Amino acid sequence: MMHAQRGLHSESFTDKVTAISKIKAESVSKVYSSKKSQFVALDRVSFHVDAHEFVSFVGPSGCGKSSLLRILAGLETMTTGSLRISGHEIDGPGADRGMVFQSYTLFPWLSVRENIEFGLTLKGVPLFEKRAIADHFMELVGLHKFARALPKELSGGMKQRVAIARALANNPEVLLMDEPFGALDPQTKNAMQELLLRIWEKEKTTVVFITHDIEEAIFLSERVYVMQAHPGTIRQEIMIPRGLREVEDVKDSGAFLKLKKQIVSLIGNHEE
């Protein structure tokens, strides 16, 4: 299938040689101002995300995680700093980024298939190709049998699968996810984490994931940025060992629990 091949986002020769970061942030600050006061949400935040990488941001409430993601999405502007995707400065929303929120943001009057096809329709993708792309992603998220269902007929986990499929169907360079599983029950949340990993391993889309759940960040990510609040800054970058997820009962393993303890300590030492 043509789109499935495009979804691999294969690097150019130059990318492979120079290893240019897909996302590069340098001294990004965000200040919210009112007539009476100013609130520094982000203070000189710098980080990078490489092509095909899965990176999470964790931290206490008020550390600026969601503000950072909205700036990445082009939904908000930074006050100072530089933020580039594939070397280009972000100056607003773009088709190179897909967004998945905690709320499902589906069109209630459209079927599962129509929701997934929505962006492709706006782009004028031919019907045959559009249907093939939707079929691919419905199969990928396990919703092919629900192609004609409306959102009101779906569970929370199923709605979020549609939202993920819709974002990926547009073939973004970067998938931005803002606590997408935060509203789900624990069993569904665990199932969605495993599904997301399978999708990422197959599609290799670059993912930036925001969560307050430390276990979720460790389980999903290759790297985790730990943030602190007041003002929002990056406290530390944590590398997740390769092969950690292949360990049986990974979340109960010694290596996993050690990482969790480290991140809990970093966040706890800087919460008020």
C-alpha atoms as a PDB file:
ATOM      1  CA  MET A   1       0.000   0.000   0.000  1.00  0.00           C
ATOM      2  CA  MET A   2       1.530   3.320  -1.038  1.00  0.00           C
ATOM      3  CA  HIS A   3       0.604   5.204   2.105  1.00  0.00           C
ATOM      4  CA  ALA A   4       1.913   2.517   4.394  1.00  0.00           C
ATOM      5  CA  GLN A   5       5.286   2.975   2.746  1.00  0.00           C
ATOM      6  CA  ARG A   6       5.121   6.750   3.066  1.00  0.00           C
ATOM      7  CA  GLY A   7       4.250   6.319   6.735  1.00  0.00           C
ATOM      8  CA  LEU A   8       7.739   4.982   7.376  1.00  0.00           C
ATOM      9  CA  HIS A   9       9.087   8.504   6.811  1.00  0.00           C
ATOM     10  CA  SER A  10      12.382   7.140   5.457  1.00  0.00           C
ATOM     11  CA  GLU A  11      15.305   9.516   5.967  1.00  0.00           C
ATOM     12  CA  SER A  12      17.199  11.106   3.120  1.00  0.00           C
ATOM     13  CA  PHE A  13      20.901  10.421   2.703  1.00  0.00           C
ATOM     14  CA  THR A  14      21.648  13.836   4.244  1.00  0.00           C
ATOM     15  CA  ASP A  15      19.504  13.040   7.304  1.00  0.00           C
ATOM     16  CA  LYS A  16      21.394   9.802   7.866  1.00  0.00           C
ATOM     17  CA  VAL A  17      24.788  11.416   7.558  1.00  0.00           C
ATOM     18  CA  THR A  18      24.212  14.575   9.590  1.00  0.00           C
ATOM     19  CA  ALA A  19      21.629  13.175  12.032  1.00  0.00           C
ATOM     20  CA  ILE A  20      19.805  16.519  12.155  1.00  0.00           C
ATOM     21  CA  SER A  21      17.191  16.583  14.892  1.00  0.00           C
ATOM     22  CA  LYS A  22      13.593  16.480  13.693  1.00  0.00           C
ATOM     23  CA  ILE A  23      12.659  18.988  16.430  1.00  0.00           C
ATOM     24  CA  LYS A  24      15.075  21.467  17.988  1.00  0.00           C
ATOM     25  CA  ALA A  25      14.080  23.947  20.694  1.00  0.00           C
ATOM     26  CA  GLU A  26      16.496  26.597  21.927  1.00  0.00           C
ATOM     27  CA  SER A  27      15.727  28.798  24.964  1.00  0.00           C
ATOM     28  CA  VAL A  28      11.952  28.735  24.454  1.00  0.00           C
ATOM     29  CA  SER A  29      10.120  30.965  26.930  1.00  0.00           C
ATOM     30  CA  LYS A  30       6.409  31.642  27.294  1.00  0.00           C
ATOM     31  CA  VAL A  31       5.053  34.491  29.424  1.00  0.00           C
ATOM     32  CA  TYR A  32       1.329  35.044  29.914  1.00  0.00           C
ATOM     33  CA  SER A  33       0.606  38.683  30.697  1.00  0.00           C
ATOM     34  CA  SER A  34      -2.439  40.457  32.086  1.00  0.00           C
ATOM     35  CA  LYS A  35      -2.966  44.039  33.226  1.00  0.00           C
ATOM     36  CA  LYS A  36      -2.027  43.103  36.791  1.00  0.00           C
ATOM     37  CA  SER A  37       0.599  40.399  36.495  1.00  0.00           C
ATOM     38  CA  GLN A  38       2.812  38.150  34.438  1.00  0.00           C
ATOM     39  CA  PHE A  39       3.101  34.366  34.634  1.00  0.00           C
ATOM     40  CA  VAL A  40       6.210  32.643  33.298  1.00  0.00           C
ATOM     41  CA  ALA A  41       4.962  29.276  32.006  1.00  0.00           C
ATOM     42  CA  LEU A  42       8.234  28.291  30.279  1.00  0.00           C
ATOM     43  CA  ASP A  43      11.682  29.666  30.995  1.00  0.00           C
ATOM     44  CA  ARG A  44      14.470  29.109  28.431  1.00  0.00           C
ATOM     45  CA  VAL A  45      13.522  25.518  27.601  1.00  0.00           C
ATOM     46  CA  SER A  46      15.892  23.703  25.230  1.00  0.00           C
ATOM     47  CA  PHE A  47      15.531  20.149  23.930  1.00  0.00           C
ATOM     48  CA  HIS A  48      15.705  18.027  20.801  1.00  0.00           C
ATOM     49  CA  VAL A  49      13.767  15.113  19.321  1.00  0.00           C
ATOM     50  CA  ASP A  50      15.348  12.979  16.609  1.00  0.00           C
ATOM     51  CA  ALA A  51      13.521  11.566  13.595  1.00  0.00           C
ATOM     52  CA  HIS A  52      11.408   8.492  14.424  1.00  0.00           C
ATOM     53  CA  GLU A  53      12.024   8.961  18.149  1.00  0.00           C
ATOM     54  CA  PHE A  54       9.365   8.647  20.898  1.00  0.00           C
ATOM     55  CA  VAL A  55       9.987  11.301  23.560  1.00  0.00           C
ATOM     56  CA  SER A  56       7.835  12.122  26.592  1.00  0.00           C
ATOM     57  CA  PHE A  57       7.633  15.129  28.880  1.00  0.00           C
ATOM     58  CA  VAL A  58       6.577  14.629  32.519  1.00  0.00           C
ATOM     59  CA  GLY A  59       6.335  17.010  35.438  1.00  0.00           C
ATOM     60  CA  PRO A  60       4.055  18.511  38.074  1.00  0.00           C
ATOM     61  CA  SER A  61       0.992  20.625  37.329  1.00  0.00           C
ATOM     62  CA  GLY A  62       1.970  24.076  36.146  1.00  0.00           C
ATOM     63  CA  CYS A  63       5.327  23.053  34.663  1.00  0.00           C
ATOM     64  CA  GLY A  64       4.275  24.143  31.167  1.00  0.00           C
ATOM     65  CA  LYS A  65       3.999  20.721  29.474  1.00  0.00           C
ATOM     66  CA  SER A  66       0.781  21.534  27.635  1.00  0.00           C
ATOM     67  CA  SER A  67       1.920  25.064  26.787  1.00  0.00           C
ATOM     68  CA  LEU A  68       5.031  23.589  25.214  1.00  0.00           C
ATOM     69  CA  LEU A  69       2.994  21.158  23.129  1.00  0.00           C
ATOM     70  CA  ARG A  70       0.608  23.895  21.984  1.00  0.00           C
ATOM     71  CA  ILE A  71       3.595  25.959  20.862  1.00  0.00           C
ATOM     72  CA  LEU A  72       4.915  22.918  18.973  1.00  0.00           C
ATOM     73  CA  ALA A  73       1.496  22.553  17.357  1.00  0.00           C
ATOM     74  CA  GLY A  74       1.488  26.216  16.338  1.00  0.00           C
ATOM     75  CA  LEU A  75      -1.614  26.898  18.449  1.00  0.00           C
ATOM     76  CA  GLU A  76       0.300  29.346  20.659  1.00  0.00           C
ATOM     77  CA  THR A  77       3.330  31.540  20.060  1.00  0.00           C
ATOM     78  CA  MET A  78       6.439  31.553  22.227  1.00  0.00           C
ATOM     79  CA  THR A  79       7.548  34.805  23.844  1.00  0.00           C
ATOM     80  CA  THR A  80      11.226  34.285  23.064  1.00  0.00           C
ATOM     81  CA  GLY A  81      13.410  31.512  21.698  1.00  0.00           C
ATOM     82  CA  SER A  82      13.650  29.308  18.632  1.00  0.00           C
ATOM     83  CA  LEU A  83      11.660  26.188  17.759  1.00  0.00           C
ATOM     84  CA  ARG A  84      12.246  24.326  14.504  1.00  0.00           C
ATOM     85  CA  ILE A  85      10.862  21.212  12.840  1.00  0.00           C
ATOM     86  CA  SER A  86      13.072  19.779  10.086  1.00  0.00           C
ATOM     87  CA  GLY A  87      15.053  23.006  10.210  1.00  0.00           C
ATOM     88  CA  HIS A  88      12.034  25.283   9.656  1.00  0.00           C
ATOM     89  CA  GLU A  89      10.849  27.721  12.301  1.00  0.00           C
ATOM     90  CA  ILE A  90       7.303  27.043  13.515  1.00  0.00           C
ATOM     91  CA  ASP A  91       5.005  29.939  12.609  1.00  0.00           C
ATOM     92  CA  GLY A  92       1.590  28.346  13.042  1.00  0.00           C
ATOM     93  CA  PRO A  93      -0.275  25.043  12.603  1.00  0.00           C
ATOM     94  CA  GLY A  94       0.878  22.837   9.746  1.00  0.00           C
ATOM     95  CA  ALA A  95       0.197  19.543   7.992  1.00  0.00           C
ATOM     96  CA  ASP A  96       3.626  18.323   9.133  1.00  0.00           C
ATOM     97  CA  ARG A  97       2.163  17.892  12.649  1.00  0.00           C
ATOM     98  CA  GLY A  98      -0.706  15.728  13.860  1.00  0.00           C
ATOM     99  CA  MET A  99      -2.352  16.380  17.232  1.00  0.00           C
ATOM    100  CA  VAL A 100      -4.159  14.038  19.622  1.00  0.00           C
ATOM    101  CA  PHE A 101      -5.751  15.564  22.720  1.00  0.00           C
ATOM    102  CA  GLN A 102      -7.130  14.004  25.911  1.00  0.00           C
ATOM    103  CA  SER A 103     -10.634  14.880  24.687  1.00  0.00           C
ATOM    104  CA  TYR A 104     -11.468  12.908  21.581  1.00  0.00           C
ATOM    105  CA  THR A 105     -12.261  15.873  19.277  1.00  0.00           C
ATOM    106  CA  LEU A 106     -14.130  13.692  16.785  1.00  0.00           C
ATOM    107  CA  PHE A 107     -16.864  15.032  14.536  1.00  0.00           C
ATOM    108  CA  PRO A 108     -20.003  13.443  16.063  1.00  0.00           C
ATOM    109  CA  TRP A 109     -21.948  13.489  12.791  1.00  0.00           C
ATOM    110  CA  LEU A 110     -19.249  11.599  10.862  1.00  0.00           C
ATOM    111  CA  SER A 111     -18.620   7.854  10.895  1.00  0.00           C
ATOM    112  CA  VAL A 112     -15.320   6.296  11.944  1.00  0.00           C
ATOM    113  CA  ARG A 113     -14.225   6.113   8.297  1.00  0.00           C
ATOM    114  CA  GLU A 114     -15.337   9.681   7.563  1.00  0.00           C
ATOM    115  CA  ASN A 115     -13.501  11.021  10.623  1.00  0.00           C
ATOM    116  CA  ILE A 116     -10.293   9.297   9.546  1.00  0.00           C
ATOM    117  CA  GLU A 117     -10.715  10.526   5.967  1.00  0.00           C
ATOM    118  CA  PHE A 118     -11.546  14.107   6.966  1.00  0.00           C
ATOM    119  CA  GLY A 119      -8.094  15.650   6.490  1.00  0.00           C
ATOM    120  CA  LEU A 120      -7.534  13.671   3.311  1.00  0.00           C
ATOM    121  CA  THR A 121     -10.804  15.016   1.917  1.00  0.00           C
ATOM    122  CA  LEU A 122      -9.685  18.577   2.654  1.00  0.00           C
ATOM    123  CA  LYS A 123      -6.426  17.857   0.803  1.00  0.00           C
ATOM    124  CA  GLY A 124      -8.342  16.606  -2.238  1.00  0.00           C
ATOM    125  CA  VAL A 125      -6.887  13.092  -2.065  1.00  0.00           C
ATOM    126  CA  PRO A 126      -8.550  10.912  -4.744  1.00  0.00           C
ATOM    127  CA  LEU A 127     -11.318   8.645  -3.467  1.00  0.00           C
ATOM    128  CA  PHE A 128      -9.540   5.353  -4.161  1.00  0.00           C
ATOM    129  CA  GLU A 129      -6.359   6.444  -2.357  1.00  0.00           C
ATOM    130  CA  LYS A 130      -8.334   7.992   0.489  1.00  0.00           C
ATOM    131  CA  ARG A 131     -10.252   4.766   1.057  1.00  0.00           C
ATOM    132  CA  ALA A 132      -7.061   2.702   0.953  1.00  0.00           C
ATOM    133  CA  ILE A 133      -5.396   4.960   3.539  1.00  0.00           C
ATOM    134  CA  ALA A 134      -8.444   4.838   5.838  1.00  0.00           C
ATOM    135  CA  ASP A 135      -8.615   1.040   5.493  1.00  0.00           C
ATOM    136  CA  HIS A 136      -4.940   0.771   6.439  1.00  0.00           C
ATOM    137  CA  PHE A 137      -5.308   2.811   9.620  1.00  0.00           C
ATOM    138  CA  MET A 138      -8.659   1.310  10.649  1.00  0.00           C
ATOM    139  CA  GLU A 139      -6.970  -2.080  10.418  1.00  0.00           C
ATOM    140  CA  LEU A 140      -3.961  -0.770  12.332  1.00  0.00           C
ATOM    141  CA  VAL A 141      -6.087   0.418  15.287  1.00  0.00           C
ATOM    142  CA  GLY A 142      -8.465  -2.549  15.155  1.00  0.00           C
ATOM    143  CA  LEU A 143     -11.594  -0.669  14.084  1.00  0.00           C
ATOM    144  CA  HIS A 144     -12.202  -1.987  10.576  1.00  0.00           C
ATOM    145  CA  LYS A 145     -15.490  -3.585  11.665  1.00  0.00           C
ATOM    146  CA  PHE A 146     -16.690  -0.217  13.002  1.00  0.00           C
ATOM    147  CA  ALA A 147     -16.125   1.805   9.818  1.00  0.00           C
ATOM    148  CA  ARG A 148     -19.751   2.995   9.688  1.00  0.00           C
ATOM    149  CA  ALA A 149     -20.204   3.582  13.433  1.00  0.00           C
ATOM    150  CA  LEU A 150     -20.732   7.081  14.825  1.00  0.00           C
ATOM    151  CA  PRO A 151     -18.630   8.319  17.768  1.00  0.00           C
ATOM    152  CA  LYS A 152     -21.597   8.037  20.160  1.00  0.00           C
ATOM    153  CA  GLU A 153     -21.589   4.284  19.522  1.00  0.00           C
ATOM    154  CA  LEU A 154     -17.957   3.882  20.586  1.00  0.00           C
ATOM    155  CA  SER A 155     -16.235   3.480  23.962  1.00  0.00           C
ATOM    156  CA  GLY A 156     -13.658   6.013  25.151  1.00  0.00           C
ATOM    157  CA  GLY A 157     -10.762   3.820  24.086  1.00  0.00           C
ATOM    158  CA  MET A 158     -12.276   3.284  20.645  1.00  0.00           C
ATOM    159  CA  LYS A 159     -12.800   7.023  20.174  1.00  0.00           C
ATOM    160  CA  GLN A 160      -9.163   7.654  20.999  1.00  0.00           C
ATOM    161  CA  ARG A 161      -8.134   4.982  18.486  1.00  0.00           C
ATOM    162  CA  VAL A 162     -10.091   6.893  15.835  1.00  0.00           C
ATOM    163  CA  ALA A 163      -8.359  10.132  16.862  1.00  0.00           C
ATOM    164  CA  ILE A 164      -4.933   8.487  16.537  1.00  0.00           C
ATOM    165  CA  ALA A 165      -5.827   6.930  13.185  1.00  0.00           C
ATOM    166  CA  ARG A 166      -7.124  10.265  11.893  1.00  0.00           C
ATOM    167  CA  ALA A 167      -3.910  12.039  12.888  1.00  0.00           C
ATOM    168  CA  LEU A 168      -1.689   9.379  11.303  1.00  0.00           C
ATOM    169  CA  ALA A 169      -3.763   9.178   8.114  1.00  0.00           C
ATOM    170  CA  ASN A 170      -2.557  12.673   7.226  1.00  0.00           C
ATOM    171  CA  ASN A 171       1.033  11.331   7.211  1.00  0.00           C
ATOM    172  CA  PRO A 172       2.481  13.894   9.650  1.00  0.00           C
ATOM    173  CA  GLU A 173       6.201  14.182  10.258  1.00  0.00           C
ATOM    174  CA  VAL A 174       5.501  14.574  13.978  1.00  0.00           C
ATOM    175  CA  LEU A 175       2.652  13.275  16.149  1.00  0.00           C
ATOM    176  CA  LEU A 176       1.928  15.480  19.187  1.00  0.00           C
ATOM    177  CA  MET A 177      -0.038  13.820  22.009  1.00  0.00           C
ATOM    178  CA  ASP A 178      -1.357  15.735  25.036  1.00  0.00           C
ATOM    179  CA  GLU A 179      -2.250  13.211  27.783  1.00  0.00           C
ATOM    180  CA  PRO A 180      -4.294  11.194  25.264  1.00  0.00           C
ATOM    181  CA  PHE A 181      -5.073   8.360  27.711  1.00  0.00           C
ATOM    182  CA  GLY A 182      -5.654  10.491  30.811  1.00  0.00           C
ATOM    183  CA  ALA A 183      -9.430  10.030  30.812  1.00  0.00           C
ATOM    184  CA  LEU A 184      -9.388   6.244  30.336  1.00  0.00           C
ATOM    185  CA  ASP A 185      -9.813   3.559  32.977  1.00  0.00           C
ATOM    186  CA  PRO A 186      -6.586   1.713  33.949  1.00  0.00           C
ATOM    187  CA  GLN A 187      -7.290  -1.442  31.923  1.00  0.00           C
ATOM    188  CA  THR A 188      -8.169   0.494  28.758  1.00  0.00           C
ATOM    189  CA  LYS A 189      -5.214   2.809  29.335  1.00  0.00           C
ATOM    190  CA  ASN A 190      -2.782  -0.109  29.461  1.00  0.00           C
ATOM    191  CA  ALA A 191      -4.286  -1.567  26.290  1.00  0.00           C
ATOM    192  CA  MET A 192      -3.984   1.792  24.507  1.00  0.00           C
ATOM    193  CA  GLN A 193      -0.354   2.159  25.556  1.00  0.00           C
ATOM    194  CA  GLU A 194       0.485  -1.208  24.025  1.00  0.00           C
ATOM    195  CA  LEU A 195      -1.487  -0.365  20.881  1.00  0.00           C
ATOM    196  CA  LEU A 196       0.326   2.962  20.515  1.00  0.00           C
ATOM    197  CA  LEU A 197       3.679   1.208  20.804  1.00  0.00           C
ATOM    198  CA  ARG A 198       2.736  -1.279  18.083  1.00  0.00           C
ATOM    199  CA  ILE A 199       1.611   1.559  15.824  1.00  0.00           C
ATOM    200  CA  TRP A 200       4.788   3.553  16.469  1.00  0.00           C
ATOM    201  CA  GLU A 201       7.015   0.534  15.844  1.00  0.00           C
ATOM    202  CA  LYS A 202       5.231  -0.028  12.525  1.00  0.00           C
ATOM    203  CA  GLU A 203       4.880   3.571  11.294  1.00  0.00           C
ATOM    204  CA  LYS A 204       7.993   5.111  12.931  1.00  0.00           C
ATOM    205  CA  THR A 205       6.395   8.537  13.177  1.00  0.00           C
ATOM    206  CA  THR A 206       8.247  10.959  15.456  1.00  0.00           C
ATOM    207  CA  VAL A 207       6.176  11.262  18.663  1.00  0.00           C
ATOM    208  CA  VAL A 208       6.151  13.935  21.365  1.00  0.00           C
ATOM    209  CA  PHE A 209       4.037  12.719  24.273  1.00  0.00           C
ATOM    210  CA  ILE A 210       2.852  14.774  27.267  1.00  0.00           C
ATOM    211  CA  THR A 211       1.784  12.911  30.410  1.00  0.00           C
ATOM    212  CA  HIS A 212       1.665  13.219  34.187  1.00  0.00           C
ATOM    213  CA  ASP A 213       1.902   9.412  34.466  1.00  0.00           C
ATOM    214  CA  ILE A 214       5.531   8.480  35.113  1.00  0.00           C
ATOM    215  CA  GLU A 215       5.014   4.765  34.405  1.00  0.00           C
ATOM    216  CA  GLU A 216       3.396   5.616  31.085  1.00  0.00           C
ATOM    217  CA  ALA A 217       6.315   7.849  30.101  1.00  0.00           C
ATOM    218  CA  ILE A 218       8.903   5.171  30.918  1.00  0.00           C
ATOM    219  CA  PHE A 219       6.941   2.401  29.187  1.00  0.00           C
ATOM    220  CA  LEU A 220       6.381   4.303  25.944  1.00  0.00           C
ATOM    221  CA  SER A 221       9.493   6.389  25.491  1.00  0.00           C
ATOM    222  CA  GLU A 222      13.063   6.233  24.335  1.00  0.00           C
ATOM    223  CA  ARG A 223      13.832   9.418  26.277  1.00  0.00           C
ATOM    224  CA  VAL A 224      11.966  11.319  28.986  1.00  0.00           C
ATOM    225  CA  TYR A 225      12.360  15.013  29.767  1.00  0.00           C
ATOM    226  CA  VAL A 226      11.523  15.719  33.421  1.00  0.00           C
ATOM    227  CA  MET A 227      10.178  19.237  33.949  1.00  0.00           C
ATOM    228  CA  GLN A 228       9.812  21.396  37.037  1.00  0.00           C
ATOM    229  CA  ALA A 229       7.383  24.235  37.667  1.00  0.00           C
ATOM    230  CA  HIS A 230       7.443  27.908  38.695  1.00  0.00           C
ATOM    231  CA  PRO A 231       8.813  28.604  36.155  1.00  0.00           C
ATOM    232  CA  GLY A 232       8.559  25.675  33.764  1.00  0.00           C
ATOM    233  CA  THR A 233      12.008  24.360  32.901  1.00  0.00           C
ATOM    234  CA  ILE A 234      13.599  21.027  32.033  1.00  0.00           C
ATOM    235  CA  ARG A 235      15.141  19.485  35.126  1.00  0.00           C
ATOM    236  CA  GLN A 236      16.765  16.441  33.542  1.00  0.00           C
ATOM    237  CA  GLU A 237      16.828  14.201  30.481  1.00  0.00           C
ATOM    238  CA  ILE A 238      16.389  10.488  31.220  1.00  0.00           C
ATOM    239  CA  MET A 239      17.481   7.832  28.719  1.00  0.00           C
ATOM    240  CA  ILE A 240      15.310   4.691  28.672  1.00  0.00           C
ATOM    241  CA  PRO A 241      17.445   1.574  28.074  1.00  0.00           C
ATOM    242  CA  ARG A 242      16.905  -0.246  24.803  1.00  0.00           C
ATOM    243  CA  GLY A 243      15.167  -3.541  25.322  1.00  0.00           C
ATOM    244  CA  LEU A 244      13.474  -2.522  28.585  1.00  0.00           C
ATOM    245  CA  ARG A 245      10.010  -3.248  27.170  1.00  0.00           C
ATOM    246  CA  GLU A 246      11.063  -6.761  26.192  1.00  0.00           C
ATOM    247  CA  VAL A 247      11.420  -7.677  29.890  1.00  0.00           C
ATOM    248  CA  GLU A 248       8.593  -9.868  31.216  1.00  0.00           C
ATOM    249  CA  ASP A 249       6.245  -7.912  33.520  1.00  0.00           C
ATOM    250  CA  VAL A 250       8.271  -4.857  32.612  1.00  0.00           C
ATOM    251  CA  LYS A 251       6.482  -2.425  34.951  1.00  0.00           C
ATOM    252  CA  ASP A 252       7.391  -4.619  37.932  1.00  0.00           C
ATOM    253  CA  SER A 253      11.007  -5.125  36.885  1.00  0.00           C
ATOM    254  CA  GLY A 254      13.906  -3.752  38.892  1.00  0.00           C
ATOM    255  CA  ALA A 255      15.166  -1.554  36.051  1.00  0.00           C
ATOM    256  CA  PHE A 256      11.713  -0.042  35.498  1.00  0.00           C
ATOM    257  CA  LEU A 257      11.120   0.643  39.198  1.00  0.00           C
ATOM    258  CA  LYS A 258      14.564   2.233  39.518  1.00  0.00           C
ATOM    259  CA  LEU A 259      13.763   4.654  36.682  1.00  0.00           C
ATOM    260  CA  LYS A 260      10.382   5.420  38.219  1.00  0.00           C
ATOM    261  CA  LYS A 261      11.968   6.147  41.603  1.00  0.00           C
ATOM    262  CA  GLN A 262      14.511   8.443  39.950  1.00  0.00           C
ATOM    263  CA  ILE A 263      11.842  10.476  38.138  1.00  0.00           C
ATOM    264  CA  VAL A 264       9.543  10.615  41.194  1.00  0.00           C
ATOM    265  CA  SER A 265      12.486  11.968  43.176  1.00  0.00           C
ATOM    266  CA  LEU A 266      13.292  14.600  40.541  1.00  0.00           C
ATOM    267  CA  ILE A 267       9.698  15.820  40.426  1.00  0.00           C
ATOM    268  CA  GLY A 268       9.155  15.576  44.194  1.00  0.00           C
ATOM    269  CA  ASN A 269      12.252  17.631  44.964  1.00  0.00           C
ATOM    270  CA  HIS A 270      10.855  20.547  42.975  1.00  0.00           C
ATOM    271  CA  GLU A 271       7.142  20.501  43.757  1.00  0.00           C
ATOM    272  CA  GLU A 272       5.801  23.118  46.089  1.00  0.00           C
END
